């Protein structure tokens, strides 16, 4: 079996917006202007602005420089960021059991049309 190249899925709008809100919160808490943060992180002020507005998502090395320039841990900038795959792979014969409300004693909820 030949190895496949990884696929590049662009960051979602929500992911970029969440990072931007986190960045703005951390920058304002540090009482630093966008221009000062750009200088500290060796980025242009407009790049900081684009990140805060959720128009861009930084590379990891850029996020690390920003976090270090603000004196915060990287996880402060990544707070609430979550990625979910766009599809699910189902392997025949392997199923997760999902308990439904009321199923402990065999009862079905009153609004369940299959009950």
PDB file of N, CA and C in Angstrom:
ATOM      1  N   UNK A   1       0.840  -1.163   0.000  1.00  0.00           N
ATOM      2  CA  UNK A   1       0.000   0.000   0.000  1.00  0.00           C
ATOM      3  C   UNK A   1       0.892   1.236   0.000  1.00  0.00           C
ATOM      4  N   UNK A   2       0.670   2.141  -0.921  1.00  0.00           N
ATOM      5  CA  UNK A   2       1.512   3.334  -1.000  1.00  0.00           C
ATOM      6  C   UNK A   2       1.000   4.419  -0.051  1.00  0.00           C
ATOM      7  N   UNK A   3       1.929   5.175   0.549  1.00  0.00           N
ATOM      8  CA  UNK A   3       1.504   6.227   1.478  1.00  0.00           C
ATOM      9  C   UNK A   3       0.783   7.345   0.730  1.00  0.00           C
ATOM     10  N   UNK A   4      -0.232   7.896   1.398  1.00  0.00           N
ATOM     11  CA  UNK A   4      -0.969   9.010   0.806  1.00  0.00           C
ATOM     12  C   UNK A   4      -0.438  10.319   1.367  1.00  0.00           C
ATOM     13  N   UNK A   5      -0.458  11.328   0.549  1.00  0.00           N
ATOM     14  CA  UNK A   5      -0.083  12.657   1.018  1.00  0.00           C
ATOM     15  C   UNK A   5      -1.189  13.176   1.925  1.00  0.00           C
ATOM     16  N   UNK A   6      -0.824  13.901   2.980  1.00  0.00           N
ATOM     17  CA  UNK A   6      -1.862  14.443   3.855  1.00  0.00           C
ATOM     18  C   UNK A   6      -2.700  15.469   3.105  1.00  0.00           C
ATOM     19  N   UNK A   7      -3.967  15.534   3.464  1.00  0.00           N
ATOM     20  CA  UNK A   7      -4.824  16.533   2.849  1.00  0.00           C
ATOM     21  C   UNK A   7      -4.736  17.820   3.663  1.00  0.00           C
ATOM     22  N   UNK A   8      -4.871  18.914   3.000  1.00  0.00           N
ATOM     23  CA  UNK A   8      -4.809  20.208   3.666  1.00  0.00           C
ATOM     24  C   UNK A   8      -6.219  20.778   3.745  1.00  0.00           C
ATOM     25  N   UNK A   9      -6.781  20.743   4.918  1.00  0.00           N
ATOM     26  CA  UNK A   9      -8.103  21.319   5.126  1.00  0.00           C
ATOM     27  C   UNK A   9      -7.902  22.720   5.693  1.00  0.00           C
ATOM     28  N   UNK A  10      -8.437  23.737   5.028  1.00  0.00           N
ATOM     29  CA  UNK A  10      -8.258  25.092   5.547  1.00  0.00           C
ATOM     30  C   UNK A  10      -8.992  25.271   6.870  1.00  0.00           C
ATOM     31  N   UNK A  11      -8.501  26.177   7.712  1.00  0.00           N
ATOM     32  CA  UNK A  11      -9.190  26.409   8.990  1.00  0.00           C
ATOM     33  C   UNK A  11     -10.581  26.981   8.739  1.00  0.00           C
ATOM     34  N   UNK A  12     -11.519  26.600   9.577  1.00  0.00           N
ATOM     35  CA  UNK A  12     -12.887  27.094   9.435  1.00  0.00           C
ATOM     36  C   UNK A  12     -12.961  28.555   9.887  1.00  0.00           C
ATOM     37  N   UNK A  13     -14.021  29.217   9.496  1.00  0.00           N
ATOM     38  CA  UNK A  13     -14.234  30.602   9.912  1.00  0.00           C
ATOM     39  C   UNK A  13     -14.355  30.694  11.430  1.00  0.00           C
ATOM     40  N   UNK A  14     -15.044  29.738  12.044  1.00  0.00           N
ATOM     41  CA  UNK A  14     -15.201  29.747  13.502  1.00  0.00           C
ATOM     42  C   UNK A  14     -13.853  29.577  14.201  1.00  0.00           C
ATOM     43  N   UNK A  15     -13.001  28.719  13.659  1.00  0.00           N
ATOM     44  CA  UNK A  15     -11.674  28.506  14.236  1.00  0.00           C
ATOM     45  C   UNK A  15     -10.861  29.800  14.200  1.00  0.00           C
ATOM     46  N   UNK A  16     -10.875  30.482  13.060  1.00  0.00           N
ATOM     47  CA  UNK A  16     -10.130  31.739  12.930  1.00  0.00           C
ATOM     48  C   UNK A  16     -10.713  32.820  13.834  1.00  0.00           C
ATOM     49  N   UNK A  17     -12.036  32.892  13.904  1.00  0.00           N
ATOM     50  CA  UNK A  17     -12.678  33.903  14.748  1.00  0.00           C
ATOM     51  C   UNK A  17     -12.369  33.664  16.221  1.00  0.00           C
ATOM     52  N   UNK A  18     -12.401  32.405  16.657  1.00  0.00           N
ATOM     53  CA  UNK A  18     -12.115  32.082  18.061  1.00  0.00           C
ATOM     54  C   UNK A  18     -10.675  32.449  18.403  1.00  0.00           C
ATOM     55  N   UNK A  19      -9.734  32.113  17.506  1.00  0.00           N
ATOM     56  CA  UNK A  19      -8.341  32.482  17.758  1.00  0.00           C
ATOM     57  C   UNK A  19      -8.215  33.998  17.866  1.00  0.00           C
ATOM     58  N   UNK A  20      -8.893  34.714  16.974  1.00  0.00           N
ATOM     59  CA  UNK A  20      -8.843  36.173  16.988  1.00  0.00           C
ATOM     60  C   UNK A  20      -9.365  36.757  18.293  1.00  0.00           C
ATOM     61  N   UNK A  21     -10.472  36.201  18.803  1.00  0.00           N
ATOM     62  CA  UNK A  21     -11.013  36.679  20.083  1.00  0.00           C
ATOM     63  C   UNK A  21     -10.036  36.396  21.226  1.00  0.00           C
ATOM     64  N   UNK A  22      -9.426  35.214  21.194  1.00  0.00           N
ATOM     65  CA  UNK A  22      -8.443  34.868  22.224  1.00  0.00           C
ATOM     66  C   UNK A  22      -7.244  35.816  22.168  1.00  0.00           C
ATOM     67  N   UNK A  23      -6.775  36.096  20.962  1.00  0.00           N
ATOM     68  CA  UNK A  23      -5.628  36.992  20.794  1.00  0.00           C
ATOM     69  C   UNK A  23      -5.962  38.394  21.304  1.00  0.00           C
ATOM     70  N   UNK A  24      -7.122  38.901  20.929  1.00  0.00           N
ATOM     71  CA  UNK A  24      -7.532  40.234  21.370  1.00  0.00           C
ATOM     72  C   UNK A  24      -7.606  40.294  22.893  1.00  0.00           C
ATOM     73  N   UNK A  25      -8.223  39.274  23.501  1.00  0.00           N
ATOM     74  CA  UNK A  25      -8.353  39.229  24.953  1.00  0.00           C
ATOM     75  C   UNK A  25      -6.982  39.231  25.631  1.00  0.00           C
ATOM     76  N   UNK A  26      -6.076  38.400  25.145  1.00  0.00           N
ATOM     77  CA  UNK A  26      -4.735  38.316  25.741  1.00  0.00           C
ATOM     78  C   UNK A  26      -3.960  39.616  25.530  1.00  0.00           C
ATOM     79  N   UNK A  27      -4.072  40.204  24.359  1.00  0.00           N
ATOM     80  CA  UNK A  27      -3.341  41.448  24.074  1.00  0.00           C
ATOM     81  C   UNK A  27      -3.859  42.594  24.942  1.00  0.00           C
ATOM     82  N   UNK A  28      -5.176  42.703  25.051  1.00  0.00           N
ATOM     83  CA  UNK A  28      -5.744  43.778  25.866  1.00  0.00           C
ATOM     84  C   UNK A  28      -5.436  43.577  27.343  1.00  0.00           C
ATOM     85  N   UNK A  29      -5.453  42.329  27.791  1.00  0.00           N
ATOM     86  CA  UNK A  29      -5.120  42.042  29.188  1.00  0.00           C
ATOM     87  C   UNK A  29      -3.665  42.418  29.488  1.00  0.00           C
ATOM     88  N   UNK A  30      -2.790  42.267  28.481  1.00  0.00           N
ATOM     89  CA  UNK A  30      -1.378  42.640  28.645  1.00  0.00           C
ATOM     90  C   UNK A  30      -1.174  44.139  28.444  1.00  0.00           C
ATOM     91  N   UNK A  31      -2.250  44.852  28.078  1.00  0.00           N
ATOM     92  CA  UNK A  31      -2.206  46.297  27.841  1.00  0.00           C
ATOM     93  C   UNK A  31      -1.149  46.658  26.794  1.00  0.00           C
ATOM     94  N   UNK A  32      -1.226  45.948  25.655  1.00  0.00           N
ATOM     95  CA  UNK A  32      -0.279  46.127  24.565  1.00  0.00           C
ATOM     96  C   UNK A  32      -1.066  46.477  23.298  1.00  0.00           C
ATOM     97  N   UNK A  33      -0.588  47.434  22.541  1.00  0.00           N
ATOM     98  CA  UNK A  33      -1.238  47.789  21.275  1.00  0.00           C
ATOM     99  C   UNK A  33      -0.892  46.754  20.210  1.00  0.00           C
ATOM    100  N   UNK A  34      -1.672  46.758  19.129  1.00  0.00           N
ATOM    101  CA  UNK A  34      -1.360  45.864  18.015  1.00  0.00           C
ATOM    102  C   UNK A  34       0.024  46.170  17.458  1.00  0.00           C
ATOM    103  N   UNK A  35       0.360  47.443  17.374  1.00  0.00           N
ATOM    104  CA  UNK A  35       1.665  47.830  16.851  1.00  0.00           C
ATOM    105  C   UNK A  35       2.799  47.331  17.743  1.00  0.00           C
ATOM    106  N   UNK A  36       2.646  47.475  19.055  1.00  0.00           N
ATOM    107  CA  UNK A  36       3.671  47.000  19.992  1.00  0.00           C
ATOM    108  C   UNK A  36       3.807  45.481  19.929  1.00  0.00           C
ATOM    109  N   UNK A  37       2.680  44.784  19.864  1.00  0.00           N
ATOM    110  CA  UNK A  37       2.734  43.323  19.765  1.00  0.00           C
ATOM    111  C   UNK A  37       3.430  42.904  18.480  1.00  0.00           C
ATOM    112  N   UNK A  38       3.103  43.575  17.382  1.00  0.00           N
ATOM    113  CA  UNK A  38       3.772  43.273  16.116  1.00  0.00           C
ATOM    114  C   UNK A  38       5.271  43.451  16.223  1.00  0.00           C
ATOM    115  N   UNK A  39       5.704  44.533  16.858  1.00  0.00           N
ATOM    116  CA  UNK A  39       7.133  44.789  17.037  1.00  0.00           C
ATOM    117  C   UNK A  39       7.774  43.679  17.868  1.00  0.00           C
ATOM    118  N   UNK A  40       7.137  43.326  18.986  1.00  0.00           N
ATOM    119  CA  UNK A  40       7.684  42.287  19.871  1.00  0.00           C
ATOM    120  C   UNK A  40       7.776  40.933  19.180  1.00  0.00           C
ATOM    121  N   UNK A  41       6.779  40.620  18.355  1.00  0.00           N
ATOM    122  CA  UNK A  41       6.719  39.300  17.711  1.00  0.00           C
ATOM    123  C   UNK A  41       7.329  39.291  16.315  1.00  0.00           C
ATOM    124  N   UNK A  42       7.917  40.412  15.902  1.00  0.00           N
ATOM    125  CA  UNK A  42       8.503  40.550  14.556  1.00  0.00           C
ATOM    126  C   UNK A  42       7.464  40.313  13.468  1.00  0.00           C
ATOM    127  N   UNK A  43       6.287  40.894  13.671  1.00  0.00           N
ATOM    128  CA  UNK A  43       5.205  40.829  12.688  1.00  0.00           C
ATOM    129  C   UNK A  43       4.744  42.252  12.404  1.00  0.00           C
ATOM    130  N   UNK A  44       4.130  42.452  11.253  1.00  0.00           N
ATOM    131  CA  UNK A  44       3.576  43.767  10.946  1.00  0.00           C
ATOM    132  C   UNK A  44       2.266  43.944  11.702  1.00  0.00           C
ATOM    133  N   UNK A  45       1.965  45.177  12.075  1.00  0.00           N
ATOM    134  CA  UNK A  45       0.728  45.475  12.793  1.00  0.00           C
ATOM    135  C   UNK A  45      -0.495  44.987  12.034  1.00  0.00           C
ATOM    136  N   UNK A  46      -0.469  45.075  10.711  1.00  0.00           N
ATOM    137  CA  UNK A  46      -1.627  44.620   9.933  1.00  0.00           C
ATOM    138  C   UNK A  46      -1.826  43.113  10.051  1.00  0.00           C
ATOM    139  N   UNK A  47      -0.753  42.360  10.259  1.00  0.00           N
ATOM    140  CA  UNK A  47      -0.886  40.916  10.462  1.00  0.00           C
ATOM    141  C   UNK A  47      -1.610  40.642  11.781  1.00  0.00           C
ATOM    142  N   UNK A  48      -1.264  41.387  12.818  1.00  0.00           N
ATOM    143  CA  UNK A  48      -1.956  41.244  14.102  1.00  0.00           C
ATOM    144  C   UNK A  48      -3.430  41.577  13.923  1.00  0.00           C
ATOM    145  N   UNK A  49      -3.714  42.634  13.196  1.00  0.00           N
ATOM    146  CA  UNK A  49      -5.097  43.039  12.954  1.00  0.00           C
ATOM    147  C   UNK A  49      -5.868  41.961  12.192  1.00  0.00           C
ATOM    148  N   UNK A  50      -5.256  41.389  11.163  1.00  0.00           N
ATOM    149  CA  UNK A  50      -5.908  40.323  10.387  1.00  0.00           C
ATOM    150  C   UNK A  50      -6.196  39.106  11.265  1.00  0.00           C
ATOM    151  N   UNK A  51      -5.257  38.776  12.140  1.00  0.00           N
ATOM    152  CA  UNK A  51      -5.455  37.638  13.043  1.00  0.00           C
ATOM    153  C   UNK A  51      -6.586  37.914  14.023  1.00  0.00           C
ATOM    154  N   UNK A  52      -6.608  39.108  14.586  1.00  0.00           N
ATOM    155  CA  UNK A  52      -7.649  39.445  15.561  1.00  0.00           C
ATOM    156  C   UNK A  52      -9.032  39.500  14.921  1.00  0.00           C
ATOM    157  N   UNK A  53      -9.109  39.908  13.676  1.00  0.00           N
ATOM    158  CA  UNK A  53     -10.410  39.974  12.986  1.00  0.00           C
ATOM    159  C   UNK A  53     -10.849  38.620  12.443  1.00  0.00           C
ATOM    160  N   UNK A  54     -10.023  37.599  12.619  1.00  0.00           N
ATOM    161  CA  UNK A  54     -10.382  36.269  12.163  1.00  0.00           C
ATOM    162  C   UNK A  54     -10.260  36.089  10.658  1.00  0.00           C
ATOM    163  N   UNK A  55      -9.462  36.913  10.028  1.00  0.00           N
ATOM    164  CA  UNK A  55      -9.270  36.791   8.581  1.00  0.00           C
ATOM    165  C   UNK A  55      -8.110  35.871   8.231  1.00  0.00           C
ATOM    166  N   UNK A  56      -7.279  35.587   9.213  1.00  0.00           N
ATOM    167  CA  UNK A  56      -6.153  34.667   9.013  1.00  0.00           C
ATOM    168  C   UNK A  56      -6.004  33.782  10.229  1.00  0.00           C
ATOM    169  N   UNK A  57      -5.324  32.657  10.009  1.00  0.00           N
ATOM    170  CA  UNK A  57      -4.966  31.734  11.089  1.00  0.00           C
ATOM    171  C   UNK A  57      -3.450  31.617  11.053  1.00  0.00           C
ATOM    172  N   UNK A  58      -2.768  31.800  12.192  1.00  0.00           N
ATOM    173  CA  UNK A  58      -1.307  31.773  12.158  1.00  0.00           C
ATOM    174  C   UNK A  58      -0.754  30.358  12.068  1.00  0.00           C
ATOM    175  N   UNK A  59       0.466  30.271  11.571  1.00  0.00           N
ATOM    176  CA  UNK A  59       1.198  29.017  11.656  1.00  0.00           C
ATOM    177  C   UNK A  59       1.604  28.832  13.108  1.00  0.00           C
ATOM    178  N   UNK A  60       2.006  27.643  13.454  1.00  0.00           N
ATOM    179  CA  UNK A  60       2.364  27.343  14.842  1.00  0.00           C
ATOM    180  C   UNK A  60       3.519  28.217  15.313  1.00  0.00           C
ATOM    181  N   UNK A  61       4.542  28.393  14.504  1.00  0.00           N
ATOM    182  CA  UNK A  61       5.684  29.196  14.940  1.00  0.00           C
ATOM    183  C   UNK A  61       5.283  30.647  15.186  1.00  0.00           C
ATOM    184  N   UNK A  62       4.358  31.161  14.406  1.00  0.00           N
ATOM    185  CA  UNK A  62       3.880  32.526  14.604  1.00  0.00           C
ATOM    186  C   UNK A  62       3.074  32.626  15.897  1.00  0.00           C
ATOM    187  N   UNK A  63       2.218  31.650  16.152  1.00  0.00           N
ATOM    188  CA  UNK A  63       1.422  31.639  17.385  1.00  0.00           C
ATOM    189  C   UNK A  63       2.336  31.552  18.604  1.00  0.00           C
ATOM    190  N   UNK A  64       3.410  30.788  18.513  1.00  0.00           N
ATOM    191  CA  UNK A  64       4.360  30.668  19.619  1.00  0.00           C
ATOM    192  C   UNK A  64       5.051  32.010  19.868  1.00  0.00           C
ATOM    193  N   UNK A  65       5.444  32.707  18.800  1.00  0.00           N
ATOM    194  CA  UNK A  65       6.076  34.033  18.953  1.00  0.00           C
ATOM    195  C   UNK A  65       5.106  35.020  19.581  1.00  0.00           C
ATOM    196  N   UNK A  66       3.846  34.986  19.154  1.00  0.00           N
ATOM    197  CA  UNK A  66       2.847  35.901  19.708  1.00  0.00           C
ATOM    198  C   UNK A  66       2.635  35.613  21.188  1.00  0.00           C
ATOM    199  N   UNK A  67       2.465  34.339  21.528  1.00  0.00           N
ATOM    200  CA  UNK A  67       2.255  33.966  22.929  1.00  0.00           C
ATOM    201  C   UNK A  67       3.438  34.413  23.785  1.00  0.00           C
ATOM    202  N   UNK A  68       4.640  34.157  23.313  1.00  0.00           N
ATOM    203  CA  UNK A  68       5.831  34.575  24.051  1.00  0.00           C
ATOM    204  C   UNK A  68       5.916  36.081  24.191  1.00  0.00           C
ATOM    205  N   UNK A  69       5.522  36.809  23.164  1.00  0.00           N
ATOM    206  CA  UNK A  69       5.557  38.271  23.202  1.00  0.00           C
ATOM    207  C   UNK A  69       4.536  38.843  24.176  1.00  0.00           C
ATOM    208  N   UNK A  70       3.454  38.109  24.403  1.00  0.00           N
ATOM    209  CA  UNK A  70       2.424  38.544  25.346  1.00  0.00           C
ATOM    210  C   UNK A  70       2.660  37.998  26.751  1.00  0.00           C
ATOM    211  N   UNK A  71       3.604  37.064  26.875  1.00  0.00           N
ATOM    212  CA  UNK A  71       3.877  36.457  28.181  1.00  0.00           C
ATOM    213  C   UNK A  71       2.785  35.507  28.622  1.00  0.00           C
ATOM    214  N   UNK A  72       2.138  34.849  27.655  1.00  0.00           N
ATOM    215  CA  UNK A  72       1.092  33.879  27.976  1.00  0.00           C
ATOM    216  C   UNK A  72       1.481  32.526  27.396  1.00  0.00           C
ATOM    217  N   UNK A  73       0.881  31.477  27.931  1.00  0.00           N
ATOM    218  CA  UNK A  73       1.093  30.138  27.371  1.00  0.00           C
ATOM    219  C   UNK A  73       0.336  30.032  26.048  1.00  0.00           C
ATOM    220  N   UNK A  74       0.843  29.216  25.165  1.00  0.00           N
ATOM    221  CA  UNK A  74       0.197  29.024  23.870  1.00  0.00           C
ATOM    222  C   UNK A  74      -1.246  28.568  24.025  1.00  0.00           C
ATOM    223  N   UNK A  75      -1.535  27.784  25.066  1.00  0.00           N
ATOM    224  CA  UNK A  75      -2.907  27.296  25.225  1.00  0.00           C
ATOM    225  C   UNK A  75      -3.896  28.423  25.530  1.00  0.00           C
ATOM    226  N   UNK A  76      -3.421  29.592  25.978  1.00  0.00           N
ATOM    227  CA  UNK A  76      -4.305  30.747  26.149  1.00  0.00           C
ATOM    228  C   UNK A  76      -4.838  31.226  24.798  1.00  0.00           C
ATOM    229  N   UNK A  77      -3.988  31.171  23.784  1.00  0.00           N
ATOM    230  CA  UNK A  77      -4.411  31.574  22.438  1.00  0.00           C
ATOM    231  C   UNK A  77      -5.263  30.493  21.780  1.00  0.00           C
ATOM    232  N   UNK A  78      -5.076  29.256  22.205  1.00  0.00           N
ATOM    233  CA  UNK A  78      -5.810  28.137  21.609  1.00  0.00           C
ATOM    234  C   UNK A  78      -7.045  27.745  22.409  1.00  0.00           C
ATOM    235  N   UNK A  79      -7.373  28.498  23.440  1.00  0.00           N
ATOM    236  CA  UNK A  79      -8.506  28.180  24.300  1.00  0.00           C
ATOM    237  C   UNK A  79      -9.799  28.056  23.493  1.00  0.00           C
ATOM    238  N   UNK A  80     -10.436  26.907  23.597  1.00  0.00           N
ATOM    239  CA  UNK A  80     -11.706  26.686  22.906  1.00  0.00           C
ATOM    240  C   UNK A  80     -11.584  26.262  21.459  1.00  0.00           C
ATOM    241  N   UNK A  81     -10.369  26.153  20.942  1.00  0.00           N
ATOM    242  CA  UNK A  81     -10.200  25.716  19.557  1.00  0.00           C
ATOM    243  C   UNK A  81     -10.348  24.208  19.500  1.00  0.00           C
ATOM    244  N   UNK A  82     -11.147  23.755  18.570  1.00  0.00           N
ATOM    245  CA  UNK A  82     -11.383  22.325  18.429  1.00  0.00           C
ATOM    246  C   UNK A  82     -11.576  22.012  16.957  1.00  0.00           C
ATOM    247  N   UNK A  83     -10.989  20.924  16.528  1.00  0.00           N
ATOM    248  CA  UNK A  83     -11.148  20.488  15.153  1.00  0.00           C
ATOM    249  C   UNK A  83     -11.872  19.164  15.156  1.00  0.00           C
ATOM    250  N   UNK A  84     -12.844  19.046  14.275  1.00  0.00           N
ATOM    251  CA  UNK A  84     -13.576  17.789  14.136  1.00  0.00           C
ATOM    252  C   UNK A  84     -13.455  17.339  12.692  1.00  0.00           C
ATOM    253  N   UNK A  85     -13.248  16.058  12.478  1.00  0.00           N
ATOM    254  CA  UNK A  85     -13.140  15.578  11.102  1.00  0.00           C
ATOM    255  C   UNK A  85     -14.447  15.790  10.357  1.00  0.00           C
ATOM    256  N   UNK A  86     -14.330  15.996   9.060  1.00  0.00           N
ATOM    257  CA  UNK A  86     -15.506  16.246   8.242  1.00  0.00           C
ATOM    258  C   UNK A  86     -16.257  14.985   7.870  1.00  0.00           C
ATOM    259  N   UNK A  87     -15.717  13.842   8.222  1.00  0.00           N
ATOM    260  CA  UNK A  87     -16.380  12.580   7.925  1.00  0.00           C
ATOM    261  C   UNK A  87     -16.037  11.577   9.010  1.00  0.00           C
ATOM    262  N   UNK A  88     -16.794  10.522   9.077  1.00  0.00           N
ATOM    263  CA  UNK A  88     -16.565   9.470  10.053  1.00  0.00           C
ATOM    264  C   UNK A  88     -16.309   8.170   9.314  1.00  0.00           C
ATOM    265  N   UNK A  89     -15.331   7.435   9.765  1.00  0.00           N
ATOM    266  CA  UNK A  89     -15.045   6.133   9.180  1.00  0.00           C
ATOM    267  C   UNK A  89     -15.724   5.078  10.034  1.00  0.00           C
ATOM    268  N   UNK A  90     -16.543   4.259   9.415  1.00  0.00           N
ATOM    269  CA  UNK A  90     -17.235   3.188  10.126  1.00  0.00           C
ATOM    270  C   UNK A  90     -16.572   1.875   9.730  1.00  0.00           C
ATOM    271  N   UNK A  91     -16.127   1.133  10.725  1.00  0.00           N
ATOM    272  CA  UNK A  91     -15.519  -0.174  10.491  1.00  0.00           C
ATOM    273  C   UNK A  91     -16.581  -1.231  10.782  1.00  0.00           C
ATOM    274  N   UNK A  92     -16.948  -2.046   9.796  1.00  0.00           N
ATOM    275  CA  UNK A  92     -17.978  -3.068  10.026  1.00  0.00           C
ATOM    276  C   UNK A  92     -17.620  -3.948  11.216  1.00  0.00           C
ATOM    277  N   UNK A  93     -18.612  -4.193  12.059  1.00  0.00           N
ATOM    278  CA  UNK A  93     -18.423  -5.047  13.218  1.00  0.00           C
ATOM    279  C   UNK A  93     -17.970  -4.315  14.463  1.00  0.00           C
ATOM    280  N   UNK A  94     -17.662  -3.034  14.353  1.00  0.00           N
ATOM    281  CA  UNK A  94     -17.235  -2.260  15.514  1.00  0.00           C
ATOM    282  C   UNK A  94     -18.211  -1.107  15.717  1.00  0.00           C
ATOM    283  N   UNK A  95     -19.041  -1.238  16.743  1.00  0.00           N
ATOM    284  CA  UNK A  95     -20.065  -0.234  16.994  1.00  0.00           C
ATOM    285  C   UNK A  95     -19.994   0.234  18.431  1.00  0.00           C
ATOM    286  N   UNK A  96     -20.219   1.506  18.648  1.00  0.00           N
ATOM    287  CA  UNK A  96     -20.315   2.038  19.998  1.00  0.00           C
ATOM    288  C   UNK A  96     -21.764   1.926  20.437  1.00  0.00           C
ATOM    289  N   UNK A  97     -21.990   1.550  21.675  1.00  0.00           N
ATOM    290  CA  UNK A  97     -23.330   1.459  22.219  1.00  0.00           C
ATOM    291  C   UNK A  97     -23.677   2.815  22.815  1.00  0.00           C
ATOM    292  N   UNK A  98     -24.776   3.383  22.387  1.00  0.00           N
ATOM    293  CA  UNK A  98     -25.221   4.668  22.888  1.00  0.00           C
ATOM    294  C   UNK A  98     -26.457   4.440  23.727  1.00  0.00           C
ATOM    295  N   UNK A  99     -26.380   4.847  24.988  1.00  0.00           N
ATOM    296  CA  UNK A  99     -27.521   4.700  25.889  1.00  0.00           C
ATOM    297  C   UNK A  99     -28.483   5.857  25.655  1.00  0.00           C
ATOM    298  N   UNK A 100     -29.759   5.544  25.527  1.00  0.00           N
ATOM    299  CA  UNK A 100     -30.780   6.567  25.372  1.00  0.00           C
ATOM    300  C   UNK A 100     -31.433   6.816  26.723  1.00  0.00           C
ATOM    301  N   UNK A 101     -31.953   8.028  26.940  1.00  0.00           N
ATOM    302  CA  UNK A 101     -32.622   8.304  28.220  1.00  0.00           C
ATOM    303  C   UNK A 101     -33.732   7.292  28.478  1.00  0.00           C
ATOM    304  N   UNK A 102     -33.755   6.758  29.679  1.00  0.00           N
ATOM    305  CA  UNK A 102     -34.791   5.804  30.058  1.00  0.00           C
ATOM    306  C   UNK A 102     -34.512   4.377  29.636  1.00  0.00           C
ATOM    307  N   UNK A 103     -33.389   4.130  28.969  1.00  0.00           N
ATOM    308  CA  UNK A 103     -33.127   2.783  28.467  1.00  0.00           C
ATOM    309  C   UNK A 103     -32.553   1.854  29.528  1.00  0.00           C
ATOM    310  N   UNK A 104     -32.211   2.404  30.716  1.00  0.00           N
ATOM    311  CA  UNK A 104     -31.654   1.551  31.769  1.00  0.00           C
ATOM    312  C   UNK A 104     -32.635   0.453  32.151  1.00  0.00           C
ATOM    313  N   UNK A 105     -33.926   0.796  32.185  1.00  0.00           N
ATOM    314  CA  UNK A 105     -34.918  -0.190  32.598  1.00  0.00           C
ATOM    315  C   UNK A 105     -35.815  -0.632  31.440  1.00  0.00           C
ATOM    316  N   UNK A 106     -35.382  -0.330  30.215  1.00  0.00           N
ATOM    317  CA  UNK A 106     -36.139  -0.775  29.050  1.00  0.00           C
ATOM    318  C   UNK A 106     -37.244   0.167  28.623  1.00  0.00           C
ATOM    319  N   UNK A 107     -37.467   1.253  29.359  1.00  0.00           N
ATOM    320  CA  UNK A 107     -38.516   2.211  28.997  1.00  0.00           C
ATOM    321  C   UNK A 107     -38.038   3.131  27.887  1.00  0.00           C
ATOM    322  N   UNK A 108     -38.929   3.536  27.015  1.00  0.00           N
ATOM    323  CA  UNK A 108     -38.630   4.497  25.978  1.00  0.00           C
ATOM    324  C   UNK A 108     -39.222   5.854  26.387  1.00  0.00           C
ATOM    325  N   UNK A 109     -38.576   6.957  26.053  1.00  0.00           N
ATOM    326  CA  UNK A 109     -39.151   8.257  26.358  1.00  0.00           C
ATOM    327  C   UNK A 109     -40.507   8.408  25.670  1.00  0.00           C
ATOM    328  N   UNK A 110     -41.400   9.180  26.291  1.00  0.00           N
ATOM    329  CA  UNK A 110     -42.763   9.346  25.770  1.00  0.00           C
ATOM    330  C   UNK A 110     -42.784   9.959  24.387  1.00  0.00           C
ATOM    331  N   UNK A 111     -41.809  10.831  24.045  1.00  0.00           N
ATOM    332  CA  UNK A 111     -41.823  11.482  22.736  1.00  0.00           C
ATOM    333  C   UNK A 111     -41.078  10.693  21.682  1.00  0.00           C
ATOM    334  N   UNK A 112     -40.675   9.467  21.979  1.00  0.00           N
ATOM    335  CA  UNK A 112     -39.958   8.642  21.031  1.00  0.00           C
ATOM    336  C   UNK A 112     -40.936   7.939  20.101  1.00  0.00           C
ATOM    337  N   UNK A 113     -40.952   8.259  18.803  1.00  0.00           N
ATOM    338  CA  UNK A 113     -41.897   7.629  17.888  1.00  0.00           C
ATOM    339  C   UNK A 113     -41.660   6.128  17.688  1.00  0.00           C
ATOM    340  N   UNK A 114     -40.429   5.656  18.005  1.00  0.00           N
ATOM    341  CA  UNK A 114     -40.134   4.235  17.839  1.00  0.00           C
ATOM    342  C   UNK A 114     -40.504   3.427  19.081  1.00  0.00           C
ATOM    343  N   UNK A 115     -40.920   4.116  20.174  1.00  0.00           N
ATOM    344  CA  UNK A 115     -41.191   3.451  21.450  1.00  0.00           C
ATOM    345  C   UNK A 115     -42.537   2.859  21.452  1.00  0.00           C
TER     346      UNK A 115
END
